[in-house]
Structures are given as C-alpha cells and as structure tokens.
C-alpha cells in the first residue's frame, strides 16, 4: 500500500468513525483515537463486504458501500462503549 493509500484510509476512517459515532444514541465514553481506529477498521471491512456482495464498484458514488461502512462503525462504537462501561 502506498502512502497516498494510507492517508486516504485514515481520512475515510475519520469520516466513517464520526458518522458511525453520530448514529449511536447517547454519550459515548471512548476517545477520538478509538473513534478513528474503529472508522478505519469499519472502512476496510465494509469495503471487503461490499466487494463480496458486488456493490463496491458502481457508477457514481458507492452509497451502499458507505452505508455498510457507517453501520459497521456504529456497531463498533457501541460495542467498545459498552465494553468500557462494564469496567
């Protein structure tokens, strides 16, 4: 992976993480770094799922891929928040 690909993954991960965090109701007790990491992981896994389903490469904006990634980020944020709340 080139440096431009890494930078793109970080930027997209930030956006996906923030959108996923906005979908989770209430206040989350996780930091910004965790949100970014969850967003990056959700973006990567969401891209793989979208490619597996066959909706990764469409004409125009890949809305279904974005929705998959944001949903995964929301699940990740909620799961980590619950895990931290039980400590």
PDB file of N, CA and C in Angstrom:
ATOM      1  N   UNK A   1       0.847  -1.174   0.000  1.00  0.00           N
ATOM      2  CA  UNK A   1       0.000   0.000   0.000  1.00  0.00           C
ATOM      3  C   UNK A   1       0.894   1.238   0.000  1.00  0.00           C
ATOM      4  N   UNK A   2       0.577   2.170  -0.865  1.00  0.00           N
ATOM      5  CA  UNK A   2       1.361   3.394  -0.956  1.00  0.00           C
ATOM      6  C   UNK A   2       0.961   4.363   0.145  1.00  0.00           C
ATOM      7  N   UNK A   3       1.764   5.392   0.309  1.00  0.00           N
ATOM      8  CA  UNK A   3       1.491   6.387   1.350  1.00  0.00           C
ATOM      9  C   UNK A   3       0.178   7.113   1.081  1.00  0.00           C
ATOM     10  N   UNK A   4      -0.139   7.351  -0.191  1.00  0.00           N
ATOM     11  CA  UNK A   4      -1.409   8.009  -0.510  1.00  0.00           C
ATOM     12  C   UNK A   4      -2.592   7.124  -0.134  1.00  0.00           C
ATOM     13  N   UNK A   5      -2.434   5.812  -0.265  1.00  0.00           N
ATOM     14  CA  UNK A   5      -3.483   4.893   0.139  1.00  0.00           C
ATOM     15  C   UNK A   5      -3.679   4.869   1.646  1.00  0.00           C
ATOM     16  N   UNK A   6      -2.582   4.969   2.379  1.00  0.00           N
ATOM     17  CA  UNK A   6      -2.657   5.001   3.842  1.00  0.00           C
ATOM     18  C   UNK A   6      -3.325   6.287   4.302  1.00  0.00           C
ATOM     19  N   UNK A   7      -2.935   7.400   3.702  1.00  0.00           N
ATOM     20  CA  UNK A   7      -3.541   8.689   4.067  1.00  0.00           C
ATOM     21  C   UNK A   7      -5.025   8.692   3.724  1.00  0.00           C
ATOM     22  N   UNK A   8      -5.385   8.145   2.573  1.00  0.00           N
ATOM     23  CA  UNK A   8      -6.796   8.048   2.190  1.00  0.00           C
ATOM     24  C   UNK A   8      -7.577   7.191   3.182  1.00  0.00           C
ATOM     25  N   UNK A   9      -6.998   6.069   3.607  1.00  0.00           N
ATOM     26  CA  UNK A   9      -7.665   5.189   4.569  1.00  0.00           C
ATOM     27  C   UNK A   9      -7.887   5.904   5.898  1.00  0.00           C
ATOM     28  N   UNK A  10      -6.913   6.702   6.317  1.00  0.00           N
ATOM     29  CA  UNK A  10      -7.059   7.440   7.577  1.00  0.00           C
ATOM     30  C   UNK A  10      -8.154   8.488   7.451  1.00  0.00           C
ATOM     31  N   UNK A  11      -8.161   9.232   6.359  1.00  0.00           N
ATOM     32  CA  UNK A  11      -9.172  10.283   6.171  1.00  0.00           C
ATOM     33  C   UNK A  11     -10.567   9.677   6.079  1.00  0.00           C
ATOM     34  N   UNK A  12     -10.708   8.624   5.299  1.00  0.00           N
ATOM     35  CA  UNK A  12     -12.007   7.962   5.180  1.00  0.00           C
ATOM     36  C   UNK A  12     -12.408   7.337   6.515  1.00  0.00           C
ATOM     37  N   UNK A  13     -11.433   6.777   7.233  1.00  0.00           N
ATOM     38  CA  UNK A  13     -11.713   6.203   8.551  1.00  0.00           C
ATOM     39  C   UNK A  13     -12.207   7.237   9.535  1.00  0.00           C
ATOM     40  N   UNK A  14     -11.637   8.434   9.486  1.00  0.00           N
ATOM     41  CA  UNK A  14     -12.094   9.518  10.367  1.00  0.00           C
ATOM     42  C   UNK A  14     -13.550   9.853  10.057  1.00  0.00           C
ATOM     43  N   UNK A  15     -13.860  10.005   8.782  1.00  0.00           N
ATOM     44  CA  UNK A  15     -15.226  10.353   8.387  1.00  0.00           C
ATOM     45  C   UNK A  15     -16.197   9.241   8.761  1.00  0.00           C
ATOM     46  N   UNK A  16     -15.847   8.005   8.470  1.00  0.00           N
ATOM     47  CA  UNK A  16     -16.714   6.864   8.785  1.00  0.00           C
ATOM     48  C   UNK A  16     -16.895   6.743  10.295  1.00  0.00           C
ATOM     49  N   UNK A  17     -15.806   6.907  11.056  1.00  0.00           N
ATOM     50  CA  UNK A  17     -15.892   6.811  12.510  1.00  0.00           C
ATOM     51  C   UNK A  17     -16.795   7.874  13.112  1.00  0.00           C
ATOM     52  N   UNK A  18     -16.669   9.102  12.628  1.00  0.00           N
ATOM     53  CA  UNK A  18     -17.506  10.195  13.141  1.00  0.00           C
ATOM     54  C   UNK A  18     -18.967   9.953  12.795  1.00  0.00           C
ATOM     55  N   UNK A  19     -19.249   9.553  11.557  1.00  0.00           N
ATOM     56  CA  UNK A  19     -20.635   9.278  11.179  1.00  0.00           C
ATOM     57  C   UNK A  19     -21.212   8.104  11.964  1.00  0.00           C
ATOM     58  N   UNK A  20     -20.410   7.078  12.175  1.00  0.00           N
ATOM     59  CA  UNK A  20     -20.862   5.944  12.976  1.00  0.00           C
ATOM     60  C   UNK A  20     -21.135   6.343  14.414  1.00  0.00           C
ATOM     61  N   UNK A  21     -20.286   7.215  14.938  1.00  0.00           N
ATOM     62  CA  UNK A  21     -20.466   7.673  16.318  1.00  0.00           C
ATOM     63  C   UNK A  21     -21.719   8.530  16.452  1.00  0.00           C
ATOM     64  N   UNK A  22     -22.038   9.306  15.424  1.00  0.00           N
ATOM     65  CA  UNK A  22     -23.250  10.125  15.447  1.00  0.00           C
ATOM     66  C   UNK A  22     -24.521   9.281  15.439  1.00  0.00           C
ATOM     67  N   UNK A  23     -24.446   8.089  14.885  1.00  0.00           N
ATOM     68  CA  UNK A  23     -25.622   7.220  14.835  1.00  0.00           C
ATOM     69  C   UNK A  23     -25.932   6.555  16.170  1.00  0.00           C
ATOM     70  N   UNK A  24     -24.939   6.420  17.017  1.00  0.00           N
ATOM     71  CA  UNK A  24     -25.145   5.763  18.310  1.00  0.00           C
ATOM     72  C   UNK A  24     -25.752   6.777  19.273  1.00  0.00           C
ATOM     73  N   UNK A  25     -26.933   6.477  19.830  1.00  0.00           N
ATOM     74  CA  UNK A  25     -27.570   7.439  20.732  1.00  0.00           C
ATOM     75  C   UNK A  25     -26.827   7.565  22.062  1.00  0.00           C
ATOM     76  N   UNK A  26     -26.954   8.717  22.667  1.00  0.00           N
ATOM     77  CA  UNK A  26     -26.334   8.957  23.970  1.00  0.00           C
ATOM     78  C   UNK A  26     -24.880   9.374  23.838  1.00  0.00           C
ATOM     79  N   UNK A  27     -24.255   9.482  24.981  1.00  0.00           N
ATOM     80  CA  UNK A  27     -22.855   9.892  25.036  1.00  0.00           C
ATOM     81  C   UNK A  27     -21.974   8.651  25.078  1.00  0.00           C
ATOM     82  N   UNK A  28     -20.949   8.643  24.257  1.00  0.00           N
ATOM     83  CA  UNK A  28     -20.012   7.529  24.251  1.00  0.00           C
ATOM     84  C   UNK A  28     -18.790   7.908  25.072  1.00  0.00           C
ATOM     85  N   UNK A  29     -18.262   6.935  25.783  1.00  0.00           N
ATOM     86  CA  UNK A  29     -17.116   7.172  26.654  1.00  0.00           C
ATOM     87  C   UNK A  29     -15.841   6.611  26.030  1.00  0.00           C
ATOM     88  N   UNK A  30     -15.660   6.897  24.757  1.00  0.00           N
ATOM     89  CA  UNK A  30     -14.436   6.492  24.071  1.00  0.00           C
ATOM     90  C   UNK A  30     -13.802   7.743  23.476  1.00  0.00           C
ATOM     91  N   UNK A  31     -12.516   7.684  23.283  1.00  0.00           N
ATOM     92  CA  UNK A  31     -11.789   8.837  22.797  1.00  0.00           C
ATOM     93  C   UNK A  31     -11.802   8.963  21.285  1.00  0.00           C
ATOM     94  N   UNK A  32     -11.197  10.041  20.828  1.00  0.00           N
ATOM     95  CA  UNK A  32     -11.128  10.331  19.402  1.00  0.00           C
ATOM     96  C   UNK A  32     -10.288   9.280  18.671  1.00  0.00           C
ATOM     97  N   UNK A  33      -9.192   8.871  19.289  1.00  0.00           N
ATOM     98  CA  UNK A  33      -8.324   7.881  18.652  1.00  0.00           C
ATOM     99  C   UNK A  33      -9.077   6.574  18.428  1.00  0.00           C
ATOM    100  N   UNK A  34      -9.852   6.141  19.419  1.00  0.00           N
ATOM    101  CA  UNK A  34     -10.634   4.913  19.259  1.00  0.00           C
ATOM    102  C   UNK A  34     -11.661   5.079  18.154  1.00  0.00           C
ATOM    103  N   UNK A  35     -12.285   6.247  18.064  1.00  0.00           N
ATOM    104  CA  UNK A  35     -13.263   6.507  17.010  1.00  0.00           C
ATOM    105  C   UNK A  35     -12.611   6.398  15.635  1.00  0.00           C
ATOM    106  N   UNK A  36     -11.426   6.966  15.496  1.00  0.00           N
ATOM    107  CA  UNK A  36     -10.707   6.904  14.227  1.00  0.00           C
ATOM    108  C   UNK A  36     -10.324   5.468  13.889  1.00  0.00           C
ATOM    109  N   UNK A  37      -9.800   4.738  14.881  1.00  0.00           N
ATOM    110  CA  UNK A  37      -9.411   3.342  14.636  1.00  0.00           C
ATOM    111  C   UNK A  37     -10.609   2.486  14.247  1.00  0.00           C
ATOM    112  N   UNK A  38     -11.731   2.675  14.926  1.00  0.00           N
ATOM    113  CA  UNK A  38     -12.943   1.937  14.583  1.00  0.00           C
ATOM    114  C   UNK A  38     -13.388   2.303  13.174  1.00  0.00           C
ATOM    115  N   UNK A  39     -13.296   3.580  12.834  1.00  0.00           N
ATOM    116  CA  UNK A  39     -13.668   4.015  11.490  1.00  0.00           C
ATOM    117  C   UNK A  39     -12.799   3.400  10.415  1.00  0.00           C
ATOM    118  N   UNK A  40     -11.492   3.327  10.662  1.00  0.00           N
ATOM    119  CA  UNK A  40     -10.580   2.728   9.681  1.00  0.00           C
ATOM    120  C   UNK A  40     -10.881   1.244   9.499  1.00  0.00           C
ATOM    121  N   UNK A  41     -11.066   0.540  10.608  1.00  0.00           N
ATOM    122  CA  UNK A  41     -11.375  -0.895  10.532  1.00  0.00           C
ATOM    123  C   UNK A  41     -12.728  -1.107   9.849  1.00  0.00           C
ATOM    124  N   UNK A  42     -13.714  -0.289  10.186  1.00  0.00           N
ATOM    125  CA  UNK A  42     -15.035  -0.410   9.566  1.00  0.00           C
ATOM    126  C   UNK A  42     -14.966  -0.125   8.073  1.00  0.00           C
ATOM    127  N   UNK A  43     -14.140   0.839   7.678  1.00  0.00           N
ATOM    128  CA  UNK A  43     -13.997   1.156   6.252  1.00  0.00           C
ATOM    129  C   UNK A  43     -13.377  -0.017   5.500  1.00  0.00           C
ATOM    130  N   UNK A  44     -12.362  -0.624   6.085  1.00  0.00           N
ATOM    131  CA  UNK A  44     -11.704  -1.756   5.427  1.00  0.00           C
ATOM    132  C   UNK A  44     -12.622  -2.972   5.337  1.00  0.00           C
ATOM    133  N   UNK A  45     -13.274  -3.307   6.437  1.00  0.00           N
ATOM    134  CA  UNK A  45     -14.178  -4.461   6.449  1.00  0.00           C
ATOM    135  C   UNK A  45     -15.394  -4.194   5.563  1.00  0.00           C
ATOM    136  N   UNK A  46     -15.912  -2.972   5.627  1.00  0.00           N
ATOM    137  CA  UNK A  46     -17.060  -2.614   4.787  1.00  0.00           C
ATOM    138  C   UNK A  46     -16.741  -2.692   3.308  1.00  0.00           C
ATOM    139  N   UNK A  47     -15.532  -2.285   2.929  1.00  0.00           N
ATOM    140  CA  UNK A  47     -15.114  -2.385   1.528  1.00  0.00           C
ATOM    141  C   UNK A  47     -15.038  -3.842   1.092  1.00  0.00           C
ATOM    142  N   UNK A  48     -14.527  -4.692   1.971  1.00  0.00           N
ATOM    143  CA  UNK A  48     -14.436  -6.119   1.648  1.00  0.00           C
ATOM    144  C   UNK A  48     -15.825  -6.739   1.507  1.00  0.00           C
ATOM    145  N   UNK A  49     -16.731  -6.376   2.398  1.00  0.00           N
ATOM    146  CA  UNK A  49     -18.100  -6.903   2.319  1.00  0.00           C
ATOM    147  C   UNK A  49     -18.776  -6.417   1.036  1.00  0.00           C
ATOM    148  N   UNK A  50     -18.609  -5.130   0.727  1.00  0.00           N
ATOM    149  CA  UNK A  50     -19.219  -4.574  -0.487  1.00  0.00           C
ATOM    150  C   UNK A  50     -18.655  -5.243  -1.733  1.00  0.00           C
ATOM    151  N   UNK A  51     -17.360  -5.522  -1.738  1.00  0.00           N
ATOM    152  CA  UNK A  51     -16.757  -6.217  -2.878  1.00  0.00           C
ATOM    153  C   UNK A  51     -17.292  -7.642  -2.981  1.00  0.00           C
ATOM    154  N   UNK A  52     -17.476  -8.302  -1.833  1.00  0.00           N
ATOM    155  CA  UNK A  52     -18.002  -9.661  -1.830  1.00  0.00           C
ATOM    156  C   UNK A  52     -19.436  -9.741  -2.316  1.00  0.00           C
ATOM    157  N   UNK A  53     -20.215  -8.717  -2.002  1.00  0.00           N
ATOM    158  CA  UNK A  53     -21.614  -8.674  -2.424  1.00  0.00           C
ATOM    159  C   UNK A  53     -21.730  -8.188  -3.870  1.00  0.00           C
ATOM    160  N   UNK A  54     -20.723  -7.450  -4.322  1.00  0.00           N
ATOM    161  CA  UNK A  54     -20.727  -6.969  -5.695  1.00  0.00           C
ATOM    162  C   UNK A  54     -21.225  -5.554  -5.866  1.00  0.00           C
ATOM    163  N   UNK A  55     -21.197  -4.766  -4.794  1.00  0.00           N
ATOM    164  CA  UNK A  55     -21.673  -3.376  -4.878  1.00  0.00           C
ATOM    165  C   UNK A  55     -20.548  -2.374  -4.650  1.00  0.00           C
ATOM    166  N   UNK A  56     -19.315  -2.821  -4.716  1.00  0.00           N
ATOM    167  CA  UNK A  56     -18.190  -1.928  -4.432  1.00  0.00           C
ATOM    168  C   UNK A  56     -17.901  -0.980  -5.586  1.00  0.00           C
ATOM    169  N   UNK A  57     -18.067  -1.423  -6.805  1.00  0.00           N
ATOM    170  CA  UNK A  57     -17.761  -0.590  -7.969  1.00  0.00           C
ATOM    171  C   UNK A  57     -19.029  -0.307  -8.753  1.00  0.00           C
ATOM    172  N   UNK A  58     -19.591   0.859  -8.523  1.00  0.00           N
ATOM    173  CA  UNK A  58     -20.772   1.281  -9.258  1.00  0.00           C
ATOM    174  C   UNK A  58     -20.463   2.604  -9.933  1.00  0.00           C
ATOM    175  N   UNK A  59     -21.323   3.010 -10.827  1.00  0.00           N
ATOM    176  CA  UNK A  59     -21.154   4.304 -11.460  1.00  0.00           C
ATOM    177  C   UNK A  59     -21.580   5.376 -10.469  1.00  0.00           C
ATOM    178  N   UNK A  60     -20.722   6.351 -10.235  1.00  0.00           N
ATOM    179  CA  UNK A  60     -21.036   7.408  -9.294  1.00  0.00           C
ATOM    180  C   UNK A  60     -20.581   7.049  -7.893  1.00  0.00           C
ATOM    181  N   UNK A  61     -21.297   7.572  -6.914  1.00  0.00           N
ATOM    182  CA  UNK A  61     -20.950   7.364  -5.509  1.00  0.00           C
ATOM    183  C   UNK A  61     -21.424   5.981  -5.075  1.00  0.00           C
ATOM    184  N   UNK A  62     -20.588   5.280  -4.345  1.00  0.00           N
ATOM    185  CA  UNK A  62     -20.926   3.939  -3.849  1.00  0.00           C
ATOM    186  C   UNK A  62     -21.690   4.061  -2.529  1.00  0.00           C
ATOM    187  N   UNK A  63     -22.960   4.415  -2.628  1.00  0.00           N
ATOM    188  CA  UNK A  63     -23.765   4.676  -1.434  1.00  0.00           C
ATOM    189  C   UNK A  63     -23.929   3.431  -0.570  1.00  0.00           C
ATOM    190  N   UNK A  64     -24.123   2.289  -1.191  1.00  0.00           N
ATOM    191  CA  UNK A  64     -24.329   1.062  -0.418  1.00  0.00           C
ATOM    192  C   UNK A  64     -23.064   0.718   0.360  1.00  0.00           C
ATOM    193  N   UNK A  65     -21.904   0.887  -0.257  1.00  0.00           N
ATOM    194  CA  UNK A  65     -20.639   0.635   0.438  1.00  0.00           C
ATOM    195  C   UNK A  65     -20.485   1.581   1.627  1.00  0.00           C
ATOM    196  N   UNK A  66     -20.801   2.850   1.426  1.00  0.00           N
ATOM    197  CA  UNK A  66     -20.724   3.819   2.527  1.00  0.00           C
ATOM    198  C   UNK A  66     -21.663   3.433   3.665  1.00  0.00           C
ATOM    199  N   UNK A  67     -22.889   3.020   3.327  1.00  0.00           N
ATOM    200  CA  UNK A  67     -23.846   2.628   4.371  1.00  0.00           C
ATOM    201  C   UNK A  67     -23.357   1.422   5.158  1.00  0.00           C
ATOM    202  N   UNK A  68     -22.764   0.464   4.469  1.00  0.00           N
ATOM    203  CA  UNK A  68     -22.207  -0.708   5.147  1.00  0.00           C
ATOM    204  C   UNK A  68     -21.099  -0.276   6.104  1.00  0.00           C
ATOM    205  N   UNK A  69     -20.201   0.589   5.634  1.00  0.00           N
ATOM    206  CA  UNK A  69     -19.082   1.045   6.454  1.00  0.00           C
ATOM    207  C   UNK A  69     -19.561   1.836   7.669  1.00  0.00           C
ATOM    208  N   UNK A  70     -20.524   2.719   7.471  1.00  0.00           N
ATOM    209  CA  UNK A  70     -21.038   3.531   8.588  1.00  0.00           C
ATOM    210  C   UNK A  70     -21.756   2.650   9.603  1.00  0.00           C
ATOM    211  N   UNK A  71     -22.531   1.675   9.123  1.00  0.00           N
ATOM    212  CA  UNK A  71     -23.222   0.762  10.038  1.00  0.00           C
ATOM    213  C   UNK A  71     -22.221  -0.043  10.858  1.00  0.00           C
ATOM    214  N   UNK A  72     -21.154  -0.515  10.223  1.00  0.00           N
ATOM    215  CA  UNK A  72     -20.120  -1.252  10.954  1.00  0.00           C
ATOM    216  C   UNK A  72     -19.439  -0.358  11.987  1.00  0.00           C
ATOM    217  N   UNK A  73     -19.202   0.901  11.633  1.00  0.00           N
ATOM    218  CA  UNK A  73     -18.587   1.831  12.583  1.00  0.00           C
ATOM    219  C   UNK A  73     -19.512   2.077  13.774  1.00  0.00           C
ATOM    220  N   UNK A  74     -20.803   2.216  13.519  1.00  0.00           N
ATOM    221  CA  UNK A  74     -21.754   2.424  14.614  1.00  0.00           C
ATOM    222  C   UNK A  74     -21.780   1.216  15.548  1.00  0.00           C
ATOM    223  N   UNK A  75     -21.752   0.028  14.972  1.00  0.00           N
ATOM    224  CA  UNK A  75     -21.719  -1.190  15.790  1.00  0.00           C
ATOM    225  C   UNK A  75     -20.424  -1.238  16.601  1.00  0.00           C
ATOM    226  N   UNK A  76     -19.309  -0.890  15.967  1.00  0.00           N
ATOM    227  CA  UNK A  76     -18.025  -0.891  16.669  1.00  0.00           C
ATOM    228  C   UNK A  76     -17.968   0.121  17.800  1.00  0.00           C
ATOM    229  N   UNK A  77     -18.487   1.315  17.563  1.00  0.00           N
ATOM    230  CA  UNK A  77     -18.508   2.347  18.606  1.00  0.00           C
ATOM    231  C   UNK A  77     -19.381   1.898  19.773  1.00  0.00           C
ATOM    232  N   UNK A  78     -20.567   1.372  19.466  1.00  0.00           N
ATOM    233  CA  UNK A  78     -21.467   0.909  20.528  1.00  0.00           C
ATOM    234  C   UNK A  78     -20.851  -0.239  21.315  1.00  0.00           C
ATOM    235  N   UNK A  79     -20.210  -1.169  20.627  1.00  0.00           N
ATOM    236  CA  UNK A  79     -19.602  -2.321  21.311  1.00  0.00           C
ATOM    237  C   UNK A  79     -18.458  -1.875  22.219  1.00  0.00           C
ATOM    238  N   UNK A  80     -17.602  -1.005  21.726  1.00  0.00           N
ATOM    239  CA  UNK A  80     -16.485  -0.545  22.547  1.00  0.00           C
ATOM    240  C   UNK A  80     -16.975   0.291  23.722  1.00  0.00           C
ATOM    241  N   UNK A  81     -18.011   1.107  23.500  1.00  0.00           N
ATOM    242  CA  UNK A  81     -18.563   1.909  24.593  1.00  0.00           C
ATOM    243  C   UNK A  81     -19.140   1.008  25.685  1.00  0.00           C
ATOM    244  N   UNK A  82     -19.837  -0.037  25.287  1.00  0.00           N
ATOM    245  CA  UNK A  82     -20.392  -0.974  26.282  1.00  0.00           C
ATOM    246  C   UNK A  82     -19.284  -1.727  27.009  1.00  0.00           C
ATOM    247  N   UNK A  83     -18.237  -2.098  26.285  1.00  0.00           N
ATOM    248  CA  UNK A  83     -17.125  -2.804  26.910  1.00  0.00           C
ATOM    249  C   UNK A  83     -16.412  -1.907  27.920  1.00  0.00           C
ATOM    250  N   UNK A  84     -16.261  -0.647  27.596  1.00  0.00           N
ATOM    251  CA  UNK A  84     -15.612   0.284  28.535  1.00  0.00           C
ATOM    252  C   UNK A  84     -16.509   0.617  29.707  1.00  0.00           C
ATOM    253  N   UNK A  85     -17.827   0.593  29.502  1.00  0.00           N
ATOM    254  CA  UNK A  85     -18.764   0.906  30.579  1.00  0.00           C
ATOM    255  C   UNK A  85     -18.788  -0.193  31.635  1.00  0.00           C
ATOM    256  N   UNK A  86     -18.512  -1.427  31.240  1.00  0.00           N
ATOM    257  CA  UNK A  86     -18.528  -2.545  32.191  1.00  0.00           C
ATOM    258  C   UNK A  86     -17.278  -2.630  33.041  1.00  0.00           C
ATOM    259  N   UNK A  87     -16.273  -1.814  32.736  1.00  0.00           N
ATOM    260  CA  UNK A  87     -15.036  -1.843  33.521  1.00  0.00           C
ATOM    261  C   UNK A  87     -15.157  -1.019  34.739  1.00  0.00           C
TER     262      UNK A  87
END
